[in-house]
N, C-alpha and C. Protein backbone atom coordinates (compact mmCIF):
# COMPACT_ATOMS: atom_id res chain seq x y z
N UNK A 1 -47.29 8.07 79.01
CA UNK A 1 -47.23 7.76 77.57
C UNK A 1 -48.33 6.61 77.59
N UNK A 2 -49.24 6.63 76.79
CA UNK A 2 -50.32 5.71 76.55
C UNK A 2 -49.75 4.47 76.14
N UNK A 3 -50.17 3.22 76.39
CA UNK A 3 -49.76 2.05 75.84
C UNK A 3 -50.65 1.70 74.58
N UNK A 4 -49.89 1.39 73.58
CA UNK A 4 -50.29 1.18 72.10
C UNK A 4 -51.21 -0.04 72.19
N UNK A 5 -52.27 -0.20 71.55
CA UNK A 5 -53.01 -1.52 71.32
C UNK A 5 -52.48 -2.27 70.36
N UNK A 6 -52.29 -3.80 70.60
CA UNK A 6 -51.99 -4.61 69.72
C UNK A 6 -52.57 -4.67 68.48
N UNK A 7 -51.73 -4.54 67.50
CA UNK A 7 -51.96 -4.32 66.07
C UNK A 7 -52.78 -5.62 65.66
N UNK A 8 -53.71 -5.92 64.87
CA UNK A 8 -54.44 -6.94 64.34
C UNK A 8 -53.22 -7.87 63.50
N UNK A 9 -53.22 -9.21 63.91
CA UNK A 9 -52.40 -10.03 63.11
C UNK A 9 -52.47 -9.73 61.68
N UNK A 10 -51.32 -9.78 61.05
CA UNK A 10 -51.30 -9.63 59.57
C UNK A 10 -51.51 -10.95 58.94
N UNK A 11 -51.04 -12.00 59.57
CA UNK A 11 -51.43 -13.42 58.96
C UNK A 11 -51.96 -14.12 60.32
N UNK A 12 -53.29 -14.57 60.06
CA UNK A 12 -54.07 -15.27 61.29
C UNK A 12 -53.46 -16.68 61.39
N UNK A 13 -53.08 -16.94 62.53
CA UNK A 13 -52.49 -18.21 63.07
C UNK A 13 -53.47 -18.89 63.93
N UNK A 14 -53.41 -20.31 63.79
CA UNK A 14 -54.08 -21.06 64.81
C UNK A 14 -52.63 -22.06 65.26
N UNK A 15 -52.68 -22.72 66.23
CA UNK A 15 -51.78 -23.52 66.78
C UNK A 15 -51.20 -24.34 65.96
N UNK A 16 -51.92 -24.96 65.08
CA UNK A 16 -51.53 -25.99 64.12
C UNK A 16 -50.64 -25.40 62.95
N UNK A 17 -51.30 -24.27 62.56
CA UNK A 17 -50.35 -23.62 61.37
C UNK A 17 -49.17 -23.16 61.63
N UNK A 18 -49.08 -22.58 63.05
CA UNK A 18 -47.73 -22.01 63.54
C UNK A 18 -46.79 -23.03 63.65
N UNK A 19 -47.26 -24.29 64.05
CA UNK A 19 -46.37 -25.37 64.37
C UNK A 19 -45.74 -25.94 62.99
N UNK A 20 -46.37 -25.83 61.90
CA UNK A 20 -45.73 -25.93 60.50
C UNK A 20 -44.64 -25.21 60.20
N UNK A 21 -44.48 -24.05 60.83
CA UNK A 21 -43.33 -23.21 60.69
C UNK A 21 -42.11 -23.71 61.64
N UNK A 22 -42.55 -24.29 62.77
CA UNK A 22 -41.46 -24.74 63.45
C UNK A 22 -41.00 -26.37 63.30
N UNK A 23 -41.81 -27.08 62.40
CA UNK A 23 -41.30 -28.43 62.20
C UNK A 23 -39.81 -28.48 61.68
N UNK A 24 -39.13 -27.63 60.86
CA UNK A 24 -37.84 -27.90 60.62
C UNK A 24 -36.98 -27.67 61.88
N UNK A 25 -37.49 -27.16 62.92
CA UNK A 25 -36.57 -26.94 64.18
C UNK A 25 -36.59 -28.09 64.97
N UNK A 26 -37.70 -28.93 65.07
CA UNK A 26 -37.95 -30.01 65.99
C UNK A 26 -36.80 -30.85 66.24
N UNK A 27 -36.21 -31.41 65.31
CA UNK A 27 -34.95 -32.34 65.34
C UNK A 27 -33.71 -31.68 65.82
N UNK A 28 -33.55 -30.27 65.39
CA UNK A 28 -32.60 -29.66 65.94
C UNK A 28 -32.68 -29.22 67.35
N UNK A 29 -33.70 -29.03 67.75
CA UNK A 29 -34.05 -28.56 69.12
C UNK A 29 -33.48 -29.61 70.17
N UNK A 30 -33.72 -30.84 69.79
CA UNK A 30 -33.34 -32.10 70.58
C UNK A 30 -31.71 -32.08 70.99
N UNK A 31 -30.92 -31.39 70.11
CA UNK A 31 -29.63 -31.69 70.40
C UNK A 31 -28.98 -30.18 70.59
N UNK A 32 -29.81 -29.13 70.67
CA UNK A 32 -29.30 -28.02 70.93
C UNK A 32 -28.80 -27.68 72.35
N UNK A 33 -27.72 -27.07 72.51
CA UNK A 33 -27.04 -27.05 73.88
C UNK A 33 -28.14 -26.23 75.01
N UNK A 34 -28.21 -26.54 75.97
CA UNK A 34 -29.21 -26.12 76.89
C UNK A 34 -28.95 -24.63 77.35
N UNK A 35 -30.05 -23.91 77.37
CA UNK A 35 -30.03 -22.59 77.93
C UNK A 35 -30.09 -22.48 79.31
N UNK A 36 -29.17 -22.27 80.11
CA UNK A 36 -29.08 -22.23 81.49
C UNK A 36 -29.21 -20.84 82.12
N UNK A 37 -29.77 -20.79 83.39
CA UNK A 37 -29.75 -19.55 84.14
C UNK A 37 -28.28 -19.18 84.73
N UNK A 38 -27.96 -17.99 84.71
CA UNK A 38 -26.54 -17.64 85.12
C UNK A 38 -26.68 -17.29 86.55
N UNK A 39 -27.72 -17.36 87.20
CA UNK A 39 -27.79 -17.18 88.70
C UNK A 39 -28.79 -18.31 89.28
N UNK A 40 -29.36 -17.75 90.50
CA UNK A 40 -30.19 -18.62 91.24
C UNK A 40 -31.63 -18.56 90.74
N UNK A 41 -32.11 -17.40 89.85
CA UNK A 41 -33.42 -17.46 89.61
C UNK A 41 -33.73 -18.17 88.29
N UNK A 42 -34.76 -18.82 88.17
CA UNK A 42 -35.05 -19.62 86.99
C UNK A 42 -35.25 -18.43 85.69
N UNK A 43 -34.92 -18.86 84.40
CA UNK A 43 -35.16 -18.08 83.34
C UNK A 43 -36.58 -17.89 82.97
N UNK A 44 -36.99 -16.52 82.63
CA UNK A 44 -38.28 -16.24 82.18
C UNK A 44 -38.73 -16.78 80.81
N UNK A 45 -37.80 -16.92 80.01
CA UNK A 45 -37.86 -17.42 78.77
C UNK A 45 -36.91 -18.63 78.30
N UNK A 46 -37.62 -19.74 77.89
CA UNK A 46 -36.60 -20.78 77.37
C UNK A 46 -36.14 -20.32 76.07
N UNK A 47 -35.24 -21.27 75.59
CA UNK A 47 -34.79 -20.85 74.27
C UNK A 47 -35.96 -21.06 73.05
N UNK A 48 -36.71 -22.19 73.41
CA UNK A 48 -37.72 -22.35 72.66
C UNK A 48 -38.86 -21.07 72.56
N UNK A 49 -39.06 -20.63 73.72
CA UNK A 49 -39.87 -19.33 73.68
C UNK A 49 -39.13 -18.20 72.94
N UNK A 50 -37.91 -18.02 72.86
CA UNK A 50 -37.38 -17.10 72.20
C UNK A 50 -37.47 -17.24 70.71
N UNK A 51 -37.20 -18.54 70.29
CA UNK A 51 -37.41 -19.07 68.86
C UNK A 51 -38.86 -18.53 68.38
N UNK A 52 -39.96 -18.85 69.37
CA UNK A 52 -41.36 -18.68 68.85
C UNK A 52 -41.51 -17.23 68.76
N UNK A 53 -41.04 -16.43 69.66
CA UNK A 53 -41.19 -14.89 69.60
C UNK A 53 -40.58 -14.20 68.56
N UNK A 54 -39.40 -14.82 68.27
CA UNK A 54 -38.71 -14.22 67.12
C UNK A 54 -39.40 -14.46 65.79
N UNK A 55 -39.76 -15.71 65.61
CA UNK A 55 -40.61 -16.25 64.38
C UNK A 55 -41.79 -15.38 64.39
N UNK A 56 -42.53 -15.34 65.34
CA UNK A 56 -43.83 -14.52 65.40
C UNK A 56 -43.54 -13.11 65.15
N UNK A 57 -42.53 -12.55 65.71
CA UNK A 57 -42.18 -10.96 65.43
C UNK A 57 -42.11 -10.88 63.83
N UNK A 58 -41.34 -11.63 63.24
CA UNK A 58 -40.97 -11.45 61.91
C UNK A 58 -42.11 -11.78 60.91
N UNK A 59 -42.96 -12.61 61.26
CA UNK A 59 -44.06 -13.03 60.42
C UNK A 59 -45.23 -12.14 60.67
N UNK A 60 -45.42 -11.47 61.64
CA UNK A 60 -46.38 -10.38 61.95
C UNK A 60 -45.81 -8.98 61.63
N UNK A 61 -44.57 -9.06 61.40
CA UNK A 61 -43.90 -7.78 60.99
C UNK A 61 -44.15 -6.51 62.18
N UNK A 62 -43.82 -7.10 63.37
CA UNK A 62 -43.98 -6.12 64.42
C UNK A 62 -43.03 -4.97 64.27
N UNK A 63 -43.24 -3.89 64.89
CA UNK A 63 -42.29 -2.64 64.98
C UNK A 63 -41.24 -2.72 65.88
N UNK A 64 -41.49 -3.24 66.99
CA UNK A 64 -40.65 -3.12 68.11
C UNK A 64 -40.96 -4.40 69.19
N UNK A 65 -39.92 -4.40 70.16
CA UNK A 65 -40.22 -5.31 71.19
C UNK A 65 -41.37 -4.96 71.90
N UNK A 66 -41.55 -3.58 72.20
CA UNK A 66 -42.69 -3.21 73.03
C UNK A 66 -43.94 -3.65 72.31
N UNK A 67 -44.13 -3.48 71.03
CA UNK A 67 -45.20 -3.90 70.23
C UNK A 67 -45.49 -5.43 70.35
N UNK A 68 -44.46 -6.20 70.24
CA UNK A 68 -44.56 -7.68 70.47
C UNK A 68 -45.12 -7.98 71.85
N UNK A 69 -44.37 -7.43 72.81
CA UNK A 69 -44.88 -7.78 74.17
C UNK A 69 -46.30 -7.50 74.40
N UNK A 70 -46.62 -6.08 73.89
CA UNK A 70 -48.16 -5.97 74.21
C UNK A 70 -49.01 -6.91 73.55
N UNK A 71 -48.59 -7.26 72.30
CA UNK A 71 -49.21 -8.33 71.70
C UNK A 71 -49.53 -9.58 72.25
N UNK A 72 -48.33 -10.01 73.07
CA UNK A 72 -48.44 -11.28 73.90
C UNK A 72 -49.28 -11.16 75.11
N UNK A 73 -49.65 -9.75 75.56
CA UNK A 73 -50.40 -9.69 76.59
C UNK A 73 -51.90 -9.62 75.98
N UNK A 74 -52.28 -9.17 74.79
CA UNK A 74 -53.60 -8.84 74.38
C UNK A 74 -54.11 -9.71 73.40
N UNK A 75 -53.41 -10.40 72.46
CA UNK A 75 -53.78 -11.31 71.56
C UNK A 75 -53.93 -12.53 72.02
N UNK A 76 -55.07 -13.25 72.00
CA UNK A 76 -55.18 -14.70 72.37
C UNK A 76 -54.31 -15.58 72.01
N UNK A 77 -54.17 -15.75 70.55
CA UNK A 77 -53.05 -16.57 70.12
C UNK A 77 -51.80 -16.48 70.57
N UNK A 78 -51.30 -15.16 70.52
CA UNK A 78 -49.88 -14.84 71.13
C UNK A 78 -49.86 -15.11 72.48
N UNK A 79 -50.68 -14.92 73.40
CA UNK A 79 -50.75 -15.02 74.73
C UNK A 79 -50.67 -16.70 75.04
N UNK A 80 -51.26 -17.31 74.32
CA UNK A 80 -51.34 -18.83 74.47
C UNK A 80 -50.28 -19.76 73.66
N UNK A 81 -49.71 -19.05 72.88
CA UNK A 81 -48.77 -19.96 71.91
C UNK A 81 -47.38 -19.28 71.85
N UNK A 82 -47.15 -17.93 72.10
CA UNK A 82 -46.02 -17.34 71.80
C UNK A 82 -45.22 -16.89 73.28
N UNK A 83 -46.09 -16.34 74.16
CA UNK A 83 -45.68 -15.84 75.34
C UNK A 83 -45.20 -16.96 76.34
N UNK A 84 -44.21 -16.55 77.09
CA UNK A 84 -43.82 -17.68 77.98
C UNK A 84 -44.98 -17.83 79.06
N UNK A 85 -44.93 -18.96 79.76
CA UNK A 85 -46.01 -19.22 80.78
C UNK A 85 -46.10 -18.06 81.81
N UNK A 86 -47.06 -17.61 82.07
CA UNK A 86 -47.02 -16.57 83.03
C UNK A 86 -46.76 -15.00 82.41
N UNK A 87 -46.59 -14.93 81.11
CA UNK A 87 -46.29 -13.77 80.50
C UNK A 87 -44.86 -13.41 80.64
N UNK A 88 -44.52 -12.09 80.11
CA UNK A 88 -43.17 -11.37 80.61
C UNK A 88 -43.25 -9.97 80.31
N UNK A 89 -42.48 -9.34 81.23
CA UNK A 89 -42.29 -7.79 81.13
C UNK A 89 -41.50 -7.58 79.80
N UNK A 90 -41.58 -6.17 79.39
CA UNK A 90 -40.78 -5.77 78.37
C UNK A 90 -39.28 -5.90 78.77
N UNK A 91 -38.84 -5.45 80.07
CA UNK A 91 -37.53 -5.61 80.34
C UNK A 91 -37.16 -6.89 80.37
N UNK A 92 -37.73 -7.94 80.83
CA UNK A 92 -37.15 -9.16 80.88
C UNK A 92 -37.16 -9.93 79.28
N UNK A 93 -38.13 -9.36 78.58
CA UNK A 93 -38.11 -9.78 77.19
C UNK A 93 -36.86 -9.28 76.42
N UNK A 94 -36.64 -8.12 76.64
CA UNK A 94 -35.51 -7.42 75.82
C UNK A 94 -34.05 -8.09 76.46
N UNK A 95 -33.95 -8.27 77.83
CA UNK A 95 -32.82 -8.91 78.37
C UNK A 95 -32.64 -10.31 77.84
N UNK A 96 -33.70 -11.11 77.78
CA UNK A 96 -33.59 -12.41 77.37
C UNK A 96 -33.15 -12.41 75.76
N UNK A 97 -33.68 -11.66 74.84
CA UNK A 97 -33.46 -11.67 73.56
C UNK A 97 -32.06 -10.90 73.30
N UNK A 98 -31.58 -10.12 73.96
CA UNK A 98 -30.43 -9.46 73.75
C UNK A 98 -29.14 -10.08 74.38
N UNK A 99 -29.58 -10.64 75.41
CA UNK A 99 -28.23 -11.22 76.31
C UNK A 99 -28.15 -12.72 76.32
N UNK A 100 -29.21 -13.42 76.00
CA UNK A 100 -29.20 -14.97 76.19
C UNK A 100 -29.48 -15.58 75.00
N UNK A 101 -28.88 -16.77 74.64
CA UNK A 101 -29.27 -17.72 73.73
C UNK A 101 -28.45 -17.65 72.35
N UNK A 102 -27.33 -16.88 72.57
CA UNK A 102 -26.61 -16.41 71.25
C UNK A 102 -25.99 -17.98 70.75
N UNK A 103 -25.46 -18.69 71.75
CA UNK A 103 -24.78 -19.93 71.35
C UNK A 103 -25.91 -21.00 70.77
N UNK A 104 -27.09 -21.04 71.38
CA UNK A 104 -28.32 -21.73 70.95
C UNK A 104 -28.57 -21.41 69.57
N UNK A 105 -28.60 -20.15 69.40
CA UNK A 105 -29.19 -19.57 67.96
C UNK A 105 -28.19 -19.93 66.79
N UNK A 106 -26.87 -19.67 67.26
CA UNK A 106 -25.85 -20.02 66.26
C UNK A 106 -25.89 -21.62 65.94
N UNK A 107 -26.14 -22.34 66.89
CA UNK A 107 -26.14 -23.74 66.78
C UNK A 107 -27.30 -24.23 65.80
N UNK A 108 -28.37 -23.57 65.98
CA UNK A 108 -29.76 -23.76 65.17
C UNK A 108 -29.42 -23.43 63.79
N UNK A 109 -28.89 -22.26 63.55
CA UNK A 109 -28.53 -21.80 62.10
C UNK A 109 -27.54 -22.68 61.36
N UNK A 110 -26.59 -23.06 62.11
CA UNK A 110 -25.69 -24.04 61.42
C UNK A 110 -26.21 -25.29 61.18
N UNK A 111 -27.09 -25.90 61.89
CA UNK A 111 -27.85 -26.98 61.73
C UNK A 111 -28.70 -26.89 60.51
N UNK A 112 -29.48 -25.81 60.33
CA UNK A 112 -30.42 -25.63 59.23
C UNK A 112 -29.71 -25.45 57.94
């Protein structure tokens, strides 16, 4: 199956404009419970990486996790500002989003 190309960003971001969306979270993230690895391997995504990815996903109206991960590989802004350091595979991304960070996400929503 051919890999789809990353669609053009619906909203053009630069690092400064994207940070504006994150400003309400900065104070909350200081007191958010830590996201820890459940094993000996370090996490591929921090909780902040997860929030960045979720925000970017919804602002850009991506169609799937595959679409977002592809964009994090190809789009310069997403690669440098959204993707975790070193990038991330689709399976690791889905595992992180689906299985980790619920306690932290609930805390953030309650604080907002």
